[in-house]
Amino acid sequence: MANDLTGNPLIIDTTTGAAITGEVRIQAIVWAHNEDHPIAADNDLTITNTAGRVIFQMRQPTAGESAQLILGGSIRTDGVKVTVLDGGEVFIYLTSRK
């Protein structure tokens, strides 16, 4: 599957072209393991804004695990870019997008 940056959630499985611009509000991030895109031990995920500031960063300690960050509010940021994705897929749930 290719990246899908048109819907909600954003679905990202490769860092190539994994960026959107403009103001967004992030409600949740799910880093999911699946058979086509497995997560191995010590895989990394880094999400930045368009200026390169880190929004979310994680190293997965064990293989085959998924992780999620659900916010009580939302993170407002100028753009979203997945810069490191060693395995798995990332689902970024937005509350708004301009």
PDB file of N, CA and C in Angstrom:
ATOM      1  N   MET A   1       0.836  -1.175   0.000  1.00  0.00           N
ATOM      2  CA  MET A   1       0.000   0.000   0.000  1.00  0.00           C
ATOM      3  C   MET A   1       0.884   1.242   0.000  1.00  0.00           C
ATOM      4  N   ALA A   2       0.493   2.256  -0.705  1.00  0.00           N
ATOM      5  CA  ALA A   2       1.226   3.511  -0.735  1.00  0.00           C
ATOM      6  C   ALA A   2       0.687   4.448   0.332  1.00  0.00           C
ATOM      7  N   ASN A   3       1.436   5.507   0.613  1.00  0.00           N
ATOM      8  CA  ASN A   3       0.969   6.513   1.555  1.00  0.00           C
ATOM      9  C   ASN A   3      -0.362   7.097   1.089  1.00  0.00           C
ATOM     10  N   ASP A   4      -1.241   7.390   2.036  1.00  0.00           N
ATOM     11  CA  ASP A   4      -2.502   8.066   1.736  1.00  0.00           C
ATOM     12  C   ASP A   4      -2.574   9.301   2.619  1.00  0.00           C
ATOM     13  N   LEU A   5      -2.300  10.449   2.012  1.00  0.00           N
ATOM     14  CA  LEU A   5      -2.285  11.707   2.745  1.00  0.00           C
ATOM     15  C   LEU A   5      -3.538  12.530   2.509  1.00  0.00           C
ATOM     16  N   THR A   6      -4.555  11.906   1.905  1.00  0.00           N
ATOM     17  CA  THR A   6      -5.769  12.643   1.565  1.00  0.00           C
ATOM     18  C   THR A   6      -6.886  12.458   2.576  1.00  0.00           C
ATOM     19  N   GLY A   7      -6.859  11.382   3.334  1.00  0.00           N
ATOM     20  CA  GLY A   7      -7.950  11.094   4.258  1.00  0.00           C
ATOM     21  C   GLY A   7      -7.598  11.390   5.699  1.00  0.00           C
ATOM     22  N   ASN A   8      -8.459  10.918   6.567  1.00  0.00           N
ATOM     23  CA  ASN A   8      -8.231  11.019   8.000  1.00  0.00           C
ATOM     24  C   ASN A   8      -8.607   9.683   8.609  1.00  0.00           C
ATOM     25  N   PRO A   9      -7.648   8.900   9.026  1.00  0.00           N
ATOM     26  CA  PRO A   9      -6.283   9.296   9.328  1.00  0.00           C
ATOM     27  C   PRO A   9      -5.386   9.347   8.084  1.00  0.00           C
ATOM     28  N   LEU A  10      -4.252  10.053   8.239  1.00  0.00           N
ATOM     29  CA  LEU A  10      -3.186   9.938   7.259  1.00  0.00           C
ATOM     30  C   LEU A  10      -2.603   8.552   7.456  1.00  0.00           C
ATOM     31  N   ILE A  11      -2.319   7.842   6.363  1.00  0.00           N
ATOM     32  CA  ILE A  11      -1.747   6.495   6.465  1.00  0.00           C
ATOM     33  C   ILE A  11      -0.399   6.521   5.767  1.00  0.00           C
ATOM     34  N   ILE A  12       0.654   6.199   6.515  1.00  0.00           N
ATOM     35  CA  ILE A  12       2.009   6.328   5.997  1.00  0.00           C
ATOM     36  C   ILE A  12       2.770   5.035   6.234  1.00  0.00           C
ATOM     37  N   ASP A  13       3.324   4.470   5.141  1.00  0.00           N
ATOM     38  CA  ASP A  13       4.132   3.261   5.279  1.00  0.00           C
ATOM     39  C   ASP A  13       5.530   3.416   4.697  1.00  0.00           C
ATOM     40  N   THR A  14       5.851   4.609   4.196  1.00  0.00           N
ATOM     41  CA  THR A  14       7.190   4.908   3.709  1.00  0.00           C
ATOM     42  C   THR A  14       7.460   6.394   3.903  1.00  0.00           C
ATOM     43  N   THR A  15       8.708   6.770   4.114  1.00  0.00           N
ATOM     44  CA  THR A  15       9.027   8.183   4.316  1.00  0.00           C
ATOM     45  C   THR A  15       9.018   8.966   3.004  1.00  0.00           C
ATOM     46  N   THR A  16       9.066   8.287   1.890  1.00  0.00           N
ATOM     47  CA  THR A  16       9.044   8.967   0.594  1.00  0.00           C
ATOM     48  C   THR A  16       7.695   9.645   0.391  1.00  0.00           C
ATOM     49  N   GLY A  17       7.719  10.954   0.265  1.00  0.00           N
ATOM     50  CA  GLY A  17       6.480  11.703   0.060  1.00  0.00           C
ATOM     51  C   GLY A  17       5.563  11.733   1.258  1.00  0.00           C
ATOM     52  N   ALA A  18       6.083  11.470   2.441  1.00  0.00           N
ATOM     53  CA  ALA A  18       5.252  11.367   3.642  1.00  0.00           C
ATOM     54  C   ALA A  18       5.167  12.700   4.369  1.00  0.00           C
ATOM     55  N   ALA A  19       4.710  13.748   3.659  1.00  0.00           N
ATOM     56  CA  ALA A  19       4.623  15.066   4.270  1.00  0.00           C
ATOM     57  C   ALA A  19       3.390  15.808   3.773  1.00  0.00           C
ATOM     58  N   ILE A  20       2.809  16.581   4.674  1.00  0.00           N
ATOM     59  CA  ILE A  20       1.752  17.507   4.283  1.00  0.00           C
ATOM     60  C   ILE A  20       2.129  18.878   4.835  1.00  0.00           C
ATOM     61  N   THR A  21       1.660  19.923   4.187  1.00  0.00           N
ATOM     62  CA  THR A  21       1.959  21.272   4.623  1.00  0.00           C
ATOM     63  C   THR A  21       0.689  21.934   5.130  1.00  0.00           C
ATOM     64  N   GLY A  22       0.866  23.057   5.762  1.00  0.00           N
ATOM     65  CA  GLY A  22      -0.267  23.788   6.312  1.00  0.00           C
ATOM     66  C   GLY A  22      -0.522  23.401   7.753  1.00  0.00           C
ATOM     67  N   GLU A  23      -1.325  24.201   8.409  1.00  0.00           N
ATOM     68  CA  GLU A  23      -1.622  23.960   9.824  1.00  0.00           C
ATOM     69  C   GLU A  23      -2.508  22.728   9.990  1.00  0.00           C
ATOM     70  N   VAL A  24      -2.116  21.872  10.916  1.00  0.00           N
ATOM     71  CA  VAL A  24      -2.915  20.699  11.262  1.00  0.00           C
ATOM     72  C   VAL A  24      -2.975  20.577  12.781  1.00  0.00           C
ATOM     73  N   ARG A  25      -3.989  19.864  13.234  1.00  0.00           N
ATOM     74  CA  ARG A  25      -4.108  19.512  14.652  1.00  0.00           C
ATOM     75  C   ARG A  25      -4.162  17.993  14.731  1.00  0.00           C
ATOM     76  N   ILE A  26      -3.218  17.426  15.473  1.00  0.00           N
ATOM     77  CA  ILE A  26      -3.098  15.974  15.597  1.00  0.00           C
ATOM     78  C   ILE A  26      -3.789  15.530  16.881  1.00  0.00           C
ATOM     79  N   GLN A  27      -4.700  14.559  16.744  1.00  0.00           N
ATOM     80  CA  GLN A  27      -5.429  14.012  17.885  1.00  0.00           C
ATOM     81  C   GLN A  27      -4.785  12.726  18.409  1.00  0.00           C
ATOM     82  N   ALA A  28      -4.273  11.906  17.488  1.00  0.00           N
ATOM     83  CA  ALA A  28      -3.695  10.624  17.893  1.00  0.00           C
ATOM     84  C   ALA A  28      -2.709  10.143  16.831  1.00  0.00           C
ATOM     85  N   ILE A  29      -1.752   9.329  17.279  1.00  0.00           N
ATOM     86  CA  ILE A  29      -0.778   8.692  16.395  1.00  0.00           C
ATOM     87  C   ILE A  29      -0.741   7.217  16.756  1.00  0.00           C
ATOM     88  N   VAL A  30      -0.883   6.366  15.753  1.00  0.00           N
ATOM     89  CA  VAL A  30      -0.786   4.919  15.962  1.00  0.00           C
ATOM     90  C   VAL A  30       0.312   4.399  15.046  1.00  0.00           C
ATOM     91  N   TRP A  31       1.277   3.706  15.624  1.00  0.00           N
ATOM     92  CA  TRP A  31       2.354   3.062  14.874  1.00  0.00           C
ATOM     93  C   TRP A  31       2.030   1.576  14.908  1.00  0.00           C
ATOM     94  N   ALA A  32       1.572   1.044  13.794  1.00  0.00           N
ATOM     95  CA  ALA A  32       1.008  -0.298  13.770  1.00  0.00           C
ATOM     96  C   ALA A  32       1.920  -1.304  13.078  1.00  0.00           C
ATOM     97  N   HIS A  33       2.035  -2.446  13.694  1.00  0.00           N
ATOM     98  CA  HIS A  33       2.720  -3.603  13.125  1.00  0.00           C
ATOM     99  C   HIS A  33       1.731  -4.375  12.262  1.00  0.00           C
ATOM    100  N   ASN A  34       2.152  -4.790  11.096  1.00  0.00           N
ATOM    101  CA  ASN A  34       1.358  -5.745  10.322  1.00  0.00           C
ATOM    102  C   ASN A  34       2.297  -6.640   9.536  1.00  0.00           C
ATOM    103  N   GLU A  35       1.791  -7.681   8.950  1.00  0.00           N
ATOM    104  CA  GLU A  35       2.633  -8.673   8.286  1.00  0.00           C
ATOM    105  C   GLU A  35       3.370  -8.103   7.076  1.00  0.00           C
ATOM    106  N   ASP A  36       2.756  -7.168   6.345  1.00  0.00           N
ATOM    107  CA  ASP A  36       3.411  -6.566   5.185  1.00  0.00           C
ATOM    108  C   ASP A  36       4.488  -5.569   5.580  1.00  0.00           C
ATOM    109  N   HIS A  37       4.320  -4.942   6.725  1.00  0.00           N
ATOM    110  CA  HIS A  37       5.266  -3.943   7.228  1.00  0.00           C
ATOM    111  C   HIS A  37       5.544  -4.230   8.708  1.00  0.00           C
ATOM    112  N   PRO A  38       6.356  -5.241   8.993  1.00  0.00           N
ATOM    113  CA  PRO A  38       6.592  -5.598  10.389  1.00  0.00           C
ATOM    114  C   PRO A  38       7.449  -4.563  11.118  1.00  0.00           C
ATOM    115  N   ILE A  39       7.248  -4.478  12.411  1.00  0.00           N
ATOM    116  CA  ILE A  39       8.092  -3.661  13.278  1.00  0.00           C
ATOM    117  C   ILE A  39       9.043  -4.607  13.997  1.00  0.00           C
ATOM    118  N   ALA A  40      10.334  -4.345  13.870  1.00  0.00           N
ATOM    119  CA  ALA A  40      11.356  -5.150  14.529  1.00  0.00           C
ATOM    120  C   ALA A  40      11.818  -4.442  15.799  1.00  0.00           C
ATOM    121  N   ALA A  41      12.490  -5.181  16.656  1.00  0.00           N
ATOM    122  CA  ALA A  41      13.070  -4.579  17.852  1.00  0.00           C
ATOM    123  C   ALA A  41      14.034  -3.475  17.430  1.00  0.00           C
ATOM    124  N   ASP A  42      14.008  -2.390  18.149  1.00  0.00           N
ATOM    125  CA  ASP A  42      14.859  -1.219  17.932  1.00  0.00           C
ATOM    126  C   ASP A  42      14.548  -0.447  16.654  1.00  0.00           C
ATOM    127  N   ASN A  43      13.363  -0.662  16.072  1.00  0.00           N
ATOM    128  CA  ASN A  43      12.928   0.190  14.963  1.00  0.00           C
ATOM    129  C   ASN A  43      12.582   1.573  15.513  1.00  0.00           C
ATOM    130  N   ASP A  44      12.779   2.583  14.682  1.00  0.00           N
ATOM    131  CA  ASP A  44      12.523   3.963  15.081  1.00  0.00           C
ATOM    132  C   ASP A  44      11.423   4.595  14.241  1.00  0.00           C
ATOM    133  N   LEU A  45      10.729   5.547  14.858  1.00  0.00           N
ATOM    134  CA  LEU A  45       9.741   6.383  14.195  1.00  0.00           C
ATOM    135  C   LEU A  45       9.998   7.816  14.633  1.00  0.00           C
ATOM    136  N   THR A  46      10.102   8.728  13.661  1.00  0.00           N
ATOM    137  CA  THR A  46      10.238  10.146  13.957  1.00  0.00           C
ATOM    138  C   THR A  46       9.280  10.922  13.071  1.00  0.00           C
ATOM    139  N   ILE A  47       8.489  11.790  13.695  1.00  0.00           N
ATOM    140  CA  ILE A  47       7.564  12.669  12.983  1.00  0.00           C
ATOM    141  C   ILE A  47       7.951  14.097  13.348  1.00  0.00           C
ATOM    142  N   THR A  48       8.115  14.939  12.317  1.00  0.00           N
ATOM    143  CA  THR A  48       8.483  16.330  12.527  1.00  0.00           C
ATOM    144  C   THR A  48       7.452  17.254  11.885  1.00  0.00           C
ATOM    145  N   ASN A  49       7.592  18.545  12.139  1.00  0.00           N
ATOM    146  CA  ASN A  49       6.818  19.513  11.378  1.00  0.00           C
ATOM    147  C   ASN A  49       7.645  19.922  10.163  1.00  0.00           C
ATOM    148  N   THR A  50       7.141  20.846   9.351  1.00  0.00           N
ATOM    149  CA  THR A  50       7.868  21.205   8.133  1.00  0.00           C
ATOM    150  C   THR A  50       9.173  21.935   8.418  1.00  0.00           C
ATOM    151  N   ALA A  51       9.306  22.514   9.611  1.00  0.00           N
ATOM    152  CA  ALA A  51      10.551  23.180   9.985  1.00  0.00           C
ATOM    153  C   ALA A  51      11.583  22.210  10.557  1.00  0.00           C
ATOM    154  N   GLY A  52      11.214  20.933  10.707  1.00  0.00           N
ATOM    155  CA  GLY A  52      12.140  19.934  11.229  1.00  0.00           C
ATOM    156  C   GLY A  52      12.080  19.719  12.730  1.00  0.00           C
ATOM    157  N   ARG A  53      11.172  20.391  13.423  1.00  0.00           N
ATOM    158  CA  ARG A  53      11.025  20.204  14.872  1.00  0.00           C
ATOM    159  C   ARG A  53      10.312  18.885  15.146  1.00  0.00           C
ATOM    160  N   VAL A  54      10.841  18.091  16.060  1.00  0.00           N
ATOM    161  CA  VAL A  54      10.275  16.780  16.371  1.00  0.00           C
ATOM    162  C   VAL A  54       8.939  16.934  17.090  1.00  0.00           C
ATOM    163  N   ILE A  55       7.917  16.275  16.538  1.00  0.00           N
ATOM    164  CA  ILE A  55       6.587  16.229  17.140  1.00  0.00           C
ATOM    165  C   ILE A  55       6.448  14.958  17.969  1.00  0.00           C
ATOM    166  N   PHE A  56       6.948  13.854  17.428  1.00  0.00           N
ATOM    167  CA  PHE A  56       6.837  12.549  18.090  1.00  0.00           C
ATOM    168  C   PHE A  56       8.026  11.699  17.663  1.00  0.00           C
ATOM    169  N   GLN A  57       8.610  11.005  18.620  1.00  0.00           N
ATOM    170  CA  GLN A  57       9.743  10.135  18.321  1.00  0.00           C
ATOM    171  C   GLN A  57       9.684   8.938  19.264  1.00  0.00           C
ATOM    172  N   MET A  58       9.952   7.761  18.718  1.00  0.00           N
ATOM    173  CA  MET A  58       9.881   6.555  19.538  1.00  0.00           C
ATOM    174  C   MET A  58      10.790   5.472  18.968  1.00  0.00           C
ATOM    175  N   ARG A  59      11.358   4.675  19.847  1.00  0.00           N
ATOM    176  CA  ARG A  59      12.076   3.458  19.473  1.00  0.00           C
ATOM    177  C   ARG A  59      11.300   2.292  20.060  1.00  0.00           C
ATOM    178  N   GLN A  60      10.969   1.330  19.212  1.00  0.00           N
ATOM    179  CA  GLN A  60      10.193   0.170  19.648  1.00  0.00           C
ATOM    180  C   GLN A  60      11.137  -0.857  20.278  1.00  0.00           C
ATOM    181  N   PRO A  61      10.957  -1.194  21.555  1.00  0.00           N
ATOM    182  CA  PRO A  61      11.880  -2.104  22.223  1.00  0.00           C
ATOM    183  C   PRO A  61      11.736  -3.575  21.829  1.00  0.00           C
ATOM    184  N   THR A  62      10.537  -3.983  21.387  1.00  0.00           N
ATOM    185  CA  THR A  62      10.324  -5.386  21.047  1.00  0.00           C
ATOM    186  C   THR A  62       9.704  -5.521  19.662  1.00  0.00           C
ATOM    187  N   ALA A  63       9.969  -6.630  19.015  1.00  0.00           N
ATOM    188  CA  ALA A  63       9.426  -6.870  17.676  1.00  0.00           C
ATOM    189  C   ALA A  63       7.937  -7.162  17.741  1.00  0.00           C
ATOM    190  N   GLY A  64       7.235  -6.784  16.676  1.00  0.00           N
ATOM    191  CA  GLY A  64       5.839  -7.154  16.530  1.00  0.00           C
ATOM    192  C   GLY A  64       4.856  -6.395  17.384  1.00  0.00           C
ATOM    193  N   GLU A  65       5.281  -5.334  18.028  1.00  0.00           N
ATOM    194  CA  GLU A  65       4.394  -4.555  18.886  1.00  0.00           C
ATOM    195  C   GLU A  65       3.905  -3.311  18.149  1.00  0.00           C
ATOM    196  N   SER A  66       2.728  -2.855  18.495  1.00  0.00           N
ATOM    197  CA  SER A  66       2.200  -1.591  18.000  1.00  0.00           C
ATOM    198  C   SER A  66       2.188  -0.604  19.156  1.00  0.00           C
ATOM    199  N   ALA A  67       2.190   0.688  18.828  1.00  0.00           N
ATOM    200  CA  ALA A  67       2.179   1.723  19.855  1.00  0.00           C
ATOM    201  C   ALA A  67       1.171   2.787  19.467  1.00  0.00           C
ATOM    202  N   GLN A  68       0.592   3.434  20.465  1.00  0.00           N
ATOM    203  CA  GLN A  68      -0.328   4.514  20.165  1.00  0.00           C
ATOM    204  C   GLN A  68      -0.170   5.646  21.159  1.00  0.00           C
ATOM    205  N   LEU A  69      -0.364   6.846  20.660  1.00  0.00           N
ATOM    206  CA  LEU A  69      -0.367   8.046  21.472  1.00  0.00           C
ATOM    207  C   LEU A  69      -1.702   8.720  21.227  1.00  0.00           C
ATOM    208  N   ILE A  70      -2.546   8.761  22.243  1.00  0.00           N
ATOM    209  CA  ILE A  70      -3.851   9.409  22.134  1.00  0.00           C
ATOM    210  C   ILE A  70      -3.806  10.626  23.048  1.00  0.00           C
ATOM    211  N   LEU A  71      -4.048  11.782  22.468  1.00  0.00           N
ATOM    212  CA  LEU A  71      -3.921  13.027  23.212  1.00  0.00           C
ATOM    213  C   LEU A  71      -5.247  13.433  23.826  1.00  0.00           C
ATOM    214  N   GLY A  72      -5.198  14.005  25.008  1.00  0.00           N
ATOM    215  CA  GLY A  72      -6.399  14.524  25.634  1.00  0.00           C
ATOM    216  C   GLY A  72      -6.920  15.752  24.905  1.00  0.00           C
ATOM    217  N   GLY A  73      -6.035  16.472  24.272  1.00  0.00           N
ATOM    218  CA  GLY A  73      -6.387  17.623  23.442  1.00  0.00           C
ATOM    219  C   GLY A  73      -5.874  17.352  22.046  1.00  0.00           C
ATOM    220  N   SER A  74      -5.108  18.289  21.528  1.00  0.00           N
ATOM    221  CA  SER A  74      -4.500  18.072  20.224  1.00  0.00           C
ATOM    222  C   SER A  74      -3.197  18.852  20.143  1.00  0.00           C
ATOM    223  N   ILE A  75      -2.340  18.439  19.230  1.00  0.00           N
ATOM    224  CA  ILE A  75      -1.104  19.148  18.944  1.00  0.00           C
ATOM    225  C   ILE A  75      -1.339  19.972  17.691  1.00  0.00           C
ATOM    226  N   ARG A  76      -1.138  21.285  17.778  1.00  0.00           N
ATOM    227  CA  ARG A  76      -1.242  22.150  16.598  1.00  0.00           C
ATOM    228  C   ARG A  76       0.166  22.351  16.047  1.00  0.00           C
ATOM    229  N   THR A  77       0.325  22.117  14.765  1.00  0.00           N
ATOM    230  CA  THR A  77       1.647  22.225  14.163  1.00  0.00           C
ATOM    231  C   THR A  77       1.539  22.669  12.710  1.00  0.00           C
ATOM    232  N   ASP A  78       2.619  23.205  12.206  1.00  0.00           N
ATOM    233  CA  ASP A  78       2.686  23.624  10.808  1.00  0.00           C
ATOM    234  C   ASP A  78       3.238  22.475   9.994  1.00  0.00           C
ATOM    235  N   GLY A  79       2.363  21.679   9.440  1.00  0.00           N
ATOM    236  CA  GLY A  79       2.759  20.550   8.611  1.00  0.00           C
ATOM    237  C   GLY A  79       3.172  19.332   9.426  1.00  0.00           C
ATOM    238  N   VAL A  80       3.210  18.211   8.749  1.00  0.00           N
ATOM    239  CA  VAL A  80       3.587  16.934   9.355  1.00  0.00           C
ATOM    240  C   VAL A  80       4.442  16.184   8.343  1.00  0.00           C
ATOM    241  N   LYS A  81       5.554  15.635   8.829  1.00  0.00           N
ATOM    242  CA  LYS A  81       6.429  14.861   7.955  1.00  0.00           C
ATOM    243  C   LYS A  81       6.984  13.666   8.732  1.00  0.00           C
ATOM    244  N   VAL A  82       6.822  12.467   8.178  1.00  0.00           N
ATOM    245  CA  VAL A  82       7.432  11.283   8.774  1.00  0.00           C
ATOM    246  C   VAL A  82       8.836  11.187   8.180  1.00  0.00           C
ATOM    247  N   THR A  83       9.838  11.393   9.015  1.00  0.00           N
ATOM    248  CA  THR A  83      11.218  11.424   8.535  1.00  0.00           C
ATOM    249  C   THR A  83      11.957  10.111   8.747  1.00  0.00           C
ATOM    250  N   VAL A  84      11.540   9.337   9.751  1.00  0.00           N
ATOM    251  CA  VAL A  84      12.131   8.017  10.012  1.00  0.00           C
ATOM    252  C   VAL A  84      10.988   7.043  10.259  1.00  0.00           C
ATOM    253  N   LEU A  85      10.989   5.948   9.519  1.00  0.00           N
ATOM    254  CA  LEU A  85       9.997   4.879   9.705  1.00  0.00           C
ATOM    255  C   LEU A  85      10.675   3.570   9.328  1.00  0.00           C
ATOM    256  N   ASP A  86      11.241   2.904  10.333  1.00  0.00           N
ATOM    257  CA  ASP A  86      11.996   1.676  10.079  1.00  0.00           C
ATOM    258  C   ASP A  86      11.109   0.479   9.790  1.00  0.00           C
ATOM    259  N   GLY A  87       9.879   0.493  10.231  1.00  0.00           N
ATOM    260  CA  GLY A  87       8.959  -0.610   9.998  1.00  0.00           C
ATOM    261  C   GLY A  87       7.561  -0.210  10.400  1.00  0.00           C
ATOM    262  N   GLY A  88       6.590  -1.001  10.000  1.00  0.00           N
ATOM    263  CA  GLY A  88       5.208  -0.730  10.357  1.00  0.00           C
ATOM    264  C   GLY A  88       4.579   0.358   9.514  1.00  0.00           C
ATOM    265  N   GLU A  89       3.393   0.750   9.921  1.00  0.00           N
ATOM    266  CA  GLU A  89       2.642   1.827   9.294  1.00  0.00           C
ATOM    267  C   GLU A  89       2.259   2.835  10.369  1.00  0.00           C
ATOM    268  N   VAL A  90       2.129   4.087   9.973  1.00  0.00           N
ATOM    269  CA  VAL A  90       1.738   5.138  10.906  1.00  0.00           C
ATOM    270  C   VAL A  90       0.374   5.679  10.484  1.00  0.00           C
ATOM    271  N   PHE A  91      -0.515   5.788  11.447  1.00  0.00           N
ATOM    272  CA  PHE A  91      -1.828   6.384  11.250  1.00  0.00           C
ATOM    273  C   PHE A  91      -1.853   7.657  12.086  1.00  0.00           C
ATOM    274  N   ILE A  92      -2.014   8.798  11.430  1.00  0.00           N
ATOM    275  CA  ILE A  92      -2.056  10.078  12.122  1.00  0.00           C
ATOM    276  C   ILE A  92      -3.479  10.621  12.004  1.00  0.00           C
ATOM    277  N   TYR A  93      -4.162  10.698  13.145  1.00  0.00           N
ATOM    278  CA  TYR A  93      -5.544  11.157  13.193  1.00  0.00           C
ATOM    279  C   TYR A  93      -5.566  12.667  13.449  1.00  0.00           C
ATOM    280  N   LEU A  94      -6.263  13.384  12.588  1.00  0.00           N
ATOM    281  CA  LEU A  94      -6.318  14.835  12.675  1.00  0.00           C
ATOM    282  C   LEU A  94      -7.684  15.294  13.183  1.00  0.00           C
ATOM    283  N   THR A  95      -7.674  16.395  13.951  1.00  0.00           N
ATOM    284  CA  THR A  95      -8.938  17.024  14.320  1.00  0.00           C
ATOM    285  C   THR A  95      -9.258  18.148  13.354  1.00  0.00           C
ATOM    286  N   SER A  96      -8.239  18.726  12.733  1.00  0.00           N
ATOM    287  CA  SER A  96      -8.472  19.754  11.718  1.00  0.00           C
ATOM    288  C   SER A  96      -7.270  19.855  10.808  1.00  0.00           C
ATOM    289  N   ARG A  97      -7.529  20.414   9.632  1.00  0.00           N
ATOM    290  CA  ARG A  97      -6.492  20.575   8.612  1.00  0.00           C
ATOM    291  C   ARG A  97      -6.845  21.795   7.787  1.00  0.00           C
ATOM    292  N   LYS A  98      -5.868  22.695   7.594  1.00  0.00           N
ATOM    293  CA  LYS A  98      -6.111  23.892   6.782  1.00  0.00           C
ATOM    294  C   LYS A  98      -5.287  23.844   5.528  1.00  0.00           C
TER     295      LYS A  98
END
